[in-house]
Protein backbone atom coordinates (compact mmCIF):
# COMPACT_ATOMS: atom_id res chain seq x y z
CA MET A 1 19.70 -21.71 31.45
CA LYS A 2 22.83 -19.97 30.14
CA PRO A 3 22.80 -21.86 26.81
CA ALA A 4 19.19 -20.81 26.22
CA ILE A 5 20.04 -17.16 26.89
CA ALA A 6 23.05 -17.38 24.57
CA LEU A 7 20.91 -18.99 21.87
CA ALA A 8 18.22 -16.32 22.22
CA SER A 9 20.84 -13.60 22.07
CA ALA A 10 22.40 -15.09 18.94
CA ALA A 11 18.98 -15.36 17.30
CA GLN A 12 18.21 -11.74 18.14
CA GLU A 13 21.52 -10.61 16.63
CA SER A 14 20.80 -12.59 13.46
CA VAL A 15 17.38 -10.99 13.09
CA GLN A 16 18.83 -7.53 13.67
CA LYS A 17 21.52 -8.08 11.03
CA ALA A 18 19.01 -9.42 8.51
CA THR A 19 16.66 -6.49 9.15
CA LYS A 20 19.52 -4.03 8.71
CA GLN A 21 20.48 -5.63 5.39
CA VAL A 22 16.90 -5.47 4.11
CA VAL A 23 16.63 -1.81 5.06
CA GLU A 24 19.93 -1.02 3.33
CA VAL A 25 19.07 -2.96 0.16
CA ALA A 26 15.47 -1.80 -0.27
CA PRO A 27 16.23 1.81 -1.31
CA GLY A 28 18.73 0.61 -3.92
CA ASN A 29 16.14 -1.68 -5.44
CA LEU A 30 13.58 1.11 -5.47
CA ASP A 31 16.04 3.42 -7.22
CA ALA A 32 16.82 0.76 -9.82
CA ALA A 33 13.14 0.06 -10.44
CA THR A 34 12.36 3.77 -10.77
CA LYS A 35 15.25 4.29 -13.18
CA GLY A 36 14.15 1.31 -15.27
CA ALA A 37 10.57 2.54 -15.42
CA SER A 38 11.74 6.02 -16.43
CA GLU A 39 13.88 4.61 -19.23
CA VAL A 40 10.99 2.50 -20.55
CA THR A 41 8.65 5.51 -20.42
CA GLU A 42 11.16 7.66 -22.28
CA ALA A 43 11.62 5.01 -24.97
CA ALA A 44 7.86 4.69 -25.34
CA ASP A 45 7.50 8.46 -25.68
CA GLN A 46 10.14 8.51 -28.40
CA SER A 47 8.39 5.69 -30.25
CA VAL A 48 5.06 7.52 -30.11
CA GLU A 49 6.66 10.74 -31.40
CA LYS A 50 8.35 8.87 -34.25
CA ALA A 51 5.10 7.13 -35.17
CA ALA A 52 3.21 10.46 -35.09
CA LYS A 53 5.77 12.08 -37.40
CA THR A 54 5.57 9.15 -39.80
CA ALA A 55 1.76 9.28 -39.79
CA LYS A 56 1.76 13.01 -40.63
CA GLN A 57 3.92 12.49 -43.71
């Protein structure tokens, strides 16, 4: 009985650690994705402005 309790306890600790890591990593990934999307949008805006200026000339 004691080995089963120890095994269950170890499994619970592993799940808790994994969950904590996911929660800590997720916001960083979201920030990186948001920053990347913002940079792409800015580059696209600049390309459109440049194309519009060229078209007007």
